[in-house]
C-alpha atoms as a PDB file:
ATOM      1  CA  MET A   1      10.576 -17.088  -0.042  1.00  0.00           C
ATOM      2  CA  LYS A   2      11.428 -16.411  -3.596  1.00  0.00           C
ATOM      3  CA  GLN A   3      12.645 -13.099  -5.096  1.00  0.00           C
ATOM      4  CA  LEU A   4      10.617 -11.870  -8.049  1.00  0.00           C
ATOM      5  CA  ASP A   5      11.188  -9.481 -10.914  1.00  0.00           C
ATOM      6  CA  TYR A   6       8.679  -6.734 -10.145  1.00  0.00           C
ATOM      7  CA  THR A   7       8.062  -6.194 -13.847  1.00  0.00           C
ATOM      8  CA  GLN A   8       6.371  -9.592 -13.892  1.00  0.00           C
ATOM      9  CA  THR A   9       3.837  -8.704 -11.119  1.00  0.00           C
ATOM     10  CA  ALA A  10       1.884  -5.818 -12.482  1.00  0.00           C
ATOM     11  CA  ASN A  11      -1.001  -7.922 -13.702  1.00  0.00           C
ATOM     12  CA  ARG A  12      -1.381  -9.613 -10.291  1.00  0.00           C
ATOM     13  CA  VAL A  13      -1.487  -6.171  -8.601  1.00  0.00           C
ATOM     14  CA  LEU A  14      -4.153  -4.906 -10.997  1.00  0.00           C
ATOM     15  CA  GLU A  15      -6.168  -8.046 -10.433  1.00  0.00           C
ATOM     16  CA  ALA A  16      -5.984  -7.535  -6.648  1.00  0.00           C
ATOM     17  CA  PHE A  17      -7.139  -3.916  -7.010  1.00  0.00           C
ATOM     18  CA  SER A  18     -10.226  -5.073  -8.939  1.00  0.00           C
ATOM     19  CA  GLN A  19     -11.025  -7.840  -6.396  1.00  0.00           C
ATOM     20  CA  GLY A  20     -10.980  -5.989  -3.090  1.00  0.00           C
ATOM     21  CA  GLY A  21      -7.473  -4.373  -2.987  1.00  0.00           C
ATOM     22  CA  ALA A  22      -4.129  -4.979  -1.314  1.00  0.00           C
ATOM     23  CA  PHE A  23      -2.650  -3.894   2.009  1.00  0.00           C
ATOM     24  CA  LEU A  24      -0.449  -0.750   2.233  1.00  0.00           C
ATOM     25  CA  THR A  25       1.490  -0.797   5.444  1.00  0.00           C
ATOM     26  CA  ALA A  26       3.358   2.133   6.949  1.00  0.00           C
ATOM     27  CA  GLY A  27       5.132   2.511  10.267  1.00  0.00           C
ATOM     28  CA  LYS A  28       7.660   0.401  12.092  1.00  0.00           C
ATOM     29  CA  MET A  29       7.007  -2.893  13.901  1.00  0.00           C
ATOM     30  CA  GLY A  30       5.031  -1.883  16.912  1.00  0.00           C
ATOM     31  CA  ASP A  31       3.168   1.114  15.450  1.00  0.00           C
ATOM     32  CA  ALA A  32       2.666  -0.175  11.933  1.00  0.00           C
ATOM     33  CA  ASN A  33      -0.753   0.381  10.317  1.00  0.00           C
ATOM     34  CA  PRO A  34      -2.237  -1.665   7.450  1.00  0.00           C
ATOM     35  CA  MET A  35      -4.744   0.077   5.186  1.00  0.00           C
ATOM     36  CA  THR A  36      -6.551  -1.168   2.106  1.00  0.00           C
ATOM     37  CA  ILE A  37      -5.575   0.327  -1.236  1.00  0.00           C
ATOM     38  CA  GLY A  38      -7.423  -0.091  -4.556  1.00  0.00           C
ATOM     39  CA  TRP A  39      -5.472   2.499  -6.597  1.00  0.00           C
ATOM     40  CA  GLY A  40      -1.806   2.400  -7.591  1.00  0.00           C
ATOM     41  CA  ALA A  41       0.676   1.327 -10.152  1.00  0.00           C
ATOM     42  CA  VAL A  42       3.908  -0.761 -10.667  1.00  0.00           C
ATOM     43  CA  GLU A  43       5.887   1.429 -13.046  1.00  0.00           C
ATOM     44  CA  ILE A  44       9.353   2.634 -14.095  1.00  0.00           C
ATOM     45  CA  MET A  45      10.301   6.269 -13.308  1.00  0.00           C
ATOM     46  CA  TRP A  46      13.633   7.879 -12.926  1.00  0.00           C
ATOM     47  CA  ASN A  47      15.156   4.586 -14.156  1.00  0.00           C
ATOM     48  CA  LYS A  48      13.865   2.828 -10.992  1.00  0.00           C
ATOM     49  CA  GLY A  49      11.130   0.293 -10.296  1.00  0.00           C
ATOM     50  CA  ILE A  50       8.396   2.244  -8.553  1.00  0.00           C
ATOM     51  CA  PHE A  51       5.199   1.371  -6.699  1.00  0.00           C
ATOM     52  CA  LEU A  52       2.974   4.365  -6.798  1.00  0.00           C
ATOM     53  CA  THR A  53       0.277   4.644  -4.102  1.00  0.00           C
ATOM     54  CA  VAL A  54      -1.912   7.516  -3.054  1.00  0.00           C
ATOM     55  CA  VAL A  55      -3.043   8.377   0.485  1.00  0.00           C
ATOM     56  CA  ARG A  56      -5.286  11.114   1.765  1.00  0.00           C
ATOM     57  CA  PRO A  57      -3.750  13.472   4.466  1.00  0.00           C
ATOM     58  CA  GLN A  58      -6.416  12.637   7.072  1.00  0.00           C
ATOM     59  CA  ARG A  59      -5.598   8.910   7.017  1.00  0.00           C
ATOM     60  CA  HIS A  60      -3.705   7.428  10.005  1.00  0.00           C
ATOM     61  CA  THR A  61      -1.256   5.938   7.544  1.00  0.00           C
ATOM     62  CA  PHE A  62      -0.296   9.401   6.154  1.00  0.00           C
ATOM     63  CA  PRO A  63       1.965  10.704   8.983  1.00  0.00           C
ATOM     64  CA  LEU A  64       3.527   7.235   9.289  1.00  0.00           C
ATOM     65  CA  LEU A  65       4.534   7.391   5.620  1.00  0.00           C
ATOM     66  CA  ARG A  66       5.884  10.977   5.950  1.00  0.00           C
ATOM     67  CA  ARG A  67       7.821  10.059   9.086  1.00  0.00           C
ATOM     68  CA  ASP A  68       9.486   6.866   7.832  1.00  0.00           C
ATOM     69  CA  MET A  69       9.498   7.448   4.105  1.00  0.00           C
ATOM     70  CA  GLU A  70       8.966   3.810   3.417  1.00  0.00           C
ATOM     71  CA  PHE A  71       6.096   1.313   3.035  1.00  0.00           C
ATOM     72  CA  THR A  72       5.194  -2.177   2.105  1.00  0.00           C
ATOM     73  CA  VAL A  73       2.445  -3.482  -0.142  1.00  0.00           C
ATOM     74  CA  SER A  74       1.115  -7.017   0.551  1.00  0.00           C
ATOM     75  CA  VAL A  75      -1.120  -8.610  -2.072  1.00  0.00           C
ATOM     76  CA  PRO A  76      -3.436 -11.542  -1.187  1.00  0.00           C
ATOM     77  CA  THR A  77      -2.749 -14.545  -3.432  1.00  0.00           C
ATOM     78  CA  LYS A  78      -4.157 -17.901  -2.245  1.00  0.00           C
ATOM     79  CA  ASN A  79      -6.646 -16.459   0.353  1.00  0.00           C
ATOM     80  CA  PRO A  80      -8.558 -13.333  -0.930  1.00  0.00           C
ATOM     81  CA  LEU A  81      -8.737 -11.881   2.725  1.00  0.00           C
ATOM     82  CA  LYS A  82     -11.953 -10.017   1.777  1.00  0.00           C
ATOM     83  CA  LYS A  83     -13.078  -9.455   5.433  1.00  0.00           C
ATOM     84  CA  GLU A  84      -9.619  -8.252   6.455  1.00  0.00           C
ATOM     85  CA  LEU A  85      -9.469  -5.927   3.403  1.00  0.00           C
ATOM     86  CA  ALA A  86     -12.910  -4.557   4.145  1.00  0.00           C
ATOM     87  CA  TYR A  87     -11.942  -3.919   7.793  1.00  0.00           C
ATOM     88  CA  CYS A  88      -8.638  -2.256   7.064  1.00  0.00           C
ATOM     89  CA  GLY A  89     -10.441  -0.156   4.346  1.00  0.00           C
ATOM     90  CA  THR A  90     -13.136   1.186   6.696  1.00  0.00           C
ATOM     91  CA  LYS A  91     -11.533   1.534  10.133  1.00  0.00           C
ATOM     92  CA  SER A  92      -8.870   3.807  11.312  1.00  0.00           C
ATOM     93  CA  GLY A  93      -5.694   2.659  13.050  1.00  0.00           C
ATOM     94  CA  ARG A  94      -6.226   5.741  15.352  1.00  0.00           C
ATOM     95  CA  ASP A  95      -9.151   3.998  16.885  1.00  0.00           C
ATOM     96  CA  GLY A  96      -7.588   0.523  17.459  1.00  0.00           C
ATOM     97  CA  ASP A  97      -5.119  -2.144  16.458  1.00  0.00           C
ATOM     98  CA  LYS A  98      -6.074  -3.492  13.079  1.00  0.00           C
ATOM     99  CA  TRP A  99      -3.664  -6.352  13.414  1.00  0.00           C
ATOM    100  CA  ALA A 100      -5.528  -7.582  16.554  1.00  0.00           C
ATOM    101  CA  ALA A 101      -8.921  -6.886  15.230  1.00  0.00           C
ATOM    102  CA  THR A 102      -8.400  -8.874  12.004  1.00  0.00           C
ATOM    103  CA  GLY A 103      -6.003 -11.490  13.045  1.00  0.00           C
ATOM    104  CA  LEU A 104      -3.524 -10.413  10.441  1.00  0.00           C
ATOM    105  CA  THR A 105       0.149 -10.939  11.323  1.00  0.00           C
ATOM    106  CA  ALA A 106       2.868  -8.287  11.006  1.00  0.00           C
ATOM    107  CA  ALA A 107       6.059  -9.983   9.805  1.00  0.00           C
ATOM    108  CA  PRO A 108       9.475  -8.294   9.448  1.00  0.00           C
ATOM    109  CA  GLY A 109      10.370  -7.030   5.960  1.00  0.00           C
ATOM    110  CA  GLN A 110      13.661  -8.027   4.314  1.00  0.00           C
ATOM    111  CA  VAL A 111      15.036  -4.595   3.577  1.00  0.00           C
ATOM    112  CA  VAL A 112      12.779  -1.944   5.182  1.00  0.00           C
ATOM    113  CA  LYS A 113      11.686  -1.602   8.792  1.00  0.00           C
ATOM    114  CA  THR A 114       7.964  -1.578   7.884  1.00  0.00           C
ATOM    115  CA  PRO A 115       6.381  -5.077   8.176  1.00  0.00           C
ATOM    116  CA  ILE A 116       4.559  -7.023   5.614  1.00  0.00           C
ATOM    117  CA  VAL A 117       1.174  -8.788   6.036  1.00  0.00           C
ATOM    118  CA  ALA A 118       2.195 -12.406   6.524  1.00  0.00           C
ATOM    119  CA  GLN A 119      -1.117 -13.904   5.221  1.00  0.00           C
ATOM    120  CA  CYS A 120      -0.418 -12.398   1.801  1.00  0.00           C
ATOM    121  CA  GLY A 121       1.822 -14.093  -0.858  1.00  0.00           C
ATOM    122  CA  LEU A 122       3.131 -11.193  -2.841  1.00  0.00           C
ATOM    123  CA  HIS A 123       5.074  -8.410  -1.286  1.00  0.00           C
ATOM    124  CA  PHE A 124       6.780  -5.148  -2.284  1.00  0.00           C
ATOM    125  CA  GLU A 125       9.038  -3.230  -0.002  1.00  0.00           C
ATOM    126  CA  CYS A 126       9.533   0.338  -0.945  1.00  0.00           C
ATOM    127  CA  LYS A 127      11.518   3.448  -0.011  1.00  0.00           C
ATOM    128  CA  VAL A 128       9.781   6.763  -0.872  1.00  0.00           C
ATOM    129  CA  VAL A 129      11.765   8.766  -3.402  1.00  0.00           C
ATOM    130  CA  ALA A 130       9.076  11.476  -4.065  1.00  0.00           C
ATOM    131  CA  CYS A 131       5.700  12.648  -2.889  1.00  0.00           C
ATOM    132  CA  GLN A 132       3.313  15.003  -4.606  1.00  0.00           C
ATOM    133  CA  THR A 133      -0.046  16.283  -3.534  1.00  0.00           C
ATOM    134  CA  PHE A 134      -2.575  16.496  -6.280  1.00  0.00           C
ATOM    135  CA  GLU A 135      -3.247  19.999  -7.663  1.00  0.00           C
ATOM    136  CA  PRO A 136      -7.097  20.468  -7.942  1.00  0.00           C
ATOM    137  CA  MET A 137      -6.779  22.594 -11.015  1.00  0.00           C
ATOM    138  CA  LEU A 138      -4.693  19.959 -12.804  1.00  0.00           C
ATOM    139  CA  LEU A 139      -7.416  17.256 -12.330  1.00  0.00           C
ATOM    140  CA  GLN A 140     -10.352  16.913 -14.771  1.00  0.00           C
ATOM    141  CA  GLU A 141     -13.489  18.525 -13.317  1.00  0.00           C
ATOM    142  CA  GLU A 142     -15.300  15.175 -13.379  1.00  0.00           C
ATOM    143  CA  ILE A 143     -12.497  13.592 -11.233  1.00  0.00           C
ATOM    144  CA  ARG A 144     -12.617  16.467  -8.759  1.00  0.00           C
ATOM    145  CA  GLU A 145     -16.389  16.270  -8.425  1.00  0.00           C
ATOM    146  CA  LYS A 146     -16.559  12.523  -8.147  1.00  0.00           C
ATOM    147  CA  SER A 147     -13.491  11.682  -6.127  1.00  0.00           C
ATOM    148  CA  TYR A 148     -12.913  14.910  -4.021  1.00  0.00           C
ATOM    149  CA  PRO A 149     -16.189  16.472  -3.036  1.00  0.00           C
ATOM    150  CA  GLY A 150     -14.523  17.314   0.310  1.00  0.00           C
ATOM    151  CA  ASN A 151     -11.425  18.758  -1.359  1.00  0.00           C
ATOM    152  CA  ASP A 152      -9.284  16.130   0.541  1.00  0.00           C
ATOM    153  CA  TYR A 153      -6.796  15.526  -2.364  1.00  0.00           C
ATOM    154  CA  HIS A 154      -4.548  12.504  -2.281  1.00  0.00           C
ATOM    155  CA  THR A 155      -0.717  12.718  -1.959  1.00  0.00           C
ATOM    156  CA  ALA A 156       1.080  10.381  -4.349  1.00  0.00           C
ATOM    157  CA  PHE A 157       3.961   8.408  -2.823  1.00  0.00           C
ATOM    158  CA  TYR A 158       6.449   7.112  -5.279  1.00  0.00           C
ATOM    159  CA  GLY A 159       8.257   4.191  -3.610  1.00  0.00           C
ATOM    160  CA  GLU A 160      11.384   2.689  -5.109  1.00  0.00           C
ATOM    161  CA  ILE A 161      10.915  -1.047  -5.045  1.00  0.00           C
ATOM    162  CA  VAL A 162      13.855  -2.372  -2.950  1.00  0.00           C
ATOM    163  CA  ALA A 163      12.454  -5.906  -2.650  1.00  0.00           C
ATOM    164  CA  CYS A 164       9.773  -7.907  -4.420  1.00  0.00           C
ATOM    165  CA  TYR A 165       9.118 -11.491  -3.441  1.00  0.00           C
ATOM    166  CA  THR A 166       6.583 -14.220  -2.831  1.00  0.00           C
ATOM    167  CA  THR A 167       6.088 -16.109   0.380  1.00  0.00           C
ATOM    168  CA  ASP A 168       3.794 -18.717  -1.258  1.00  0.00           C
ATOM    169  CA  GLU A 169       5.256 -22.150  -1.342  1.00  0.00           C
ATOM    170  CA  GLU A 170       5.487 -23.497  -4.891  1.00  0.00           C
END
């Protein structure tokens, strides 16, 4: 395991988003749920390194995020994990154990209680410092119509990056 400077990882995260996504995990070992994300950002806000992710309130992950106020993001590196990402992006953790169904392994985080996806090589551990539900009238009409026909607006979770590392061997 090698610690990384999160500012050097943004391109890899964007690349993953364009090639099938990354895994957002919320919850503690035992009830943790991985879901696929394709939107987000690595940024600086409030003089902190932040991983911004968005989750709709009806997702199984949402109450886990609100309860624990922490999450991990695991980015596939050597293996694209396309089938696993597809499964975790279309199935709900309410209906079954995604870990068992996909063969993914939950491994303990270094700092937070939320696990990482062991099969991935790039990991962010984050503690939520702010959440904000999108205000419909503050979104462009085109975005509202295309992304929110059911009025199910995302909540943005701003996670302070408390650890960033690779588990890939050099």
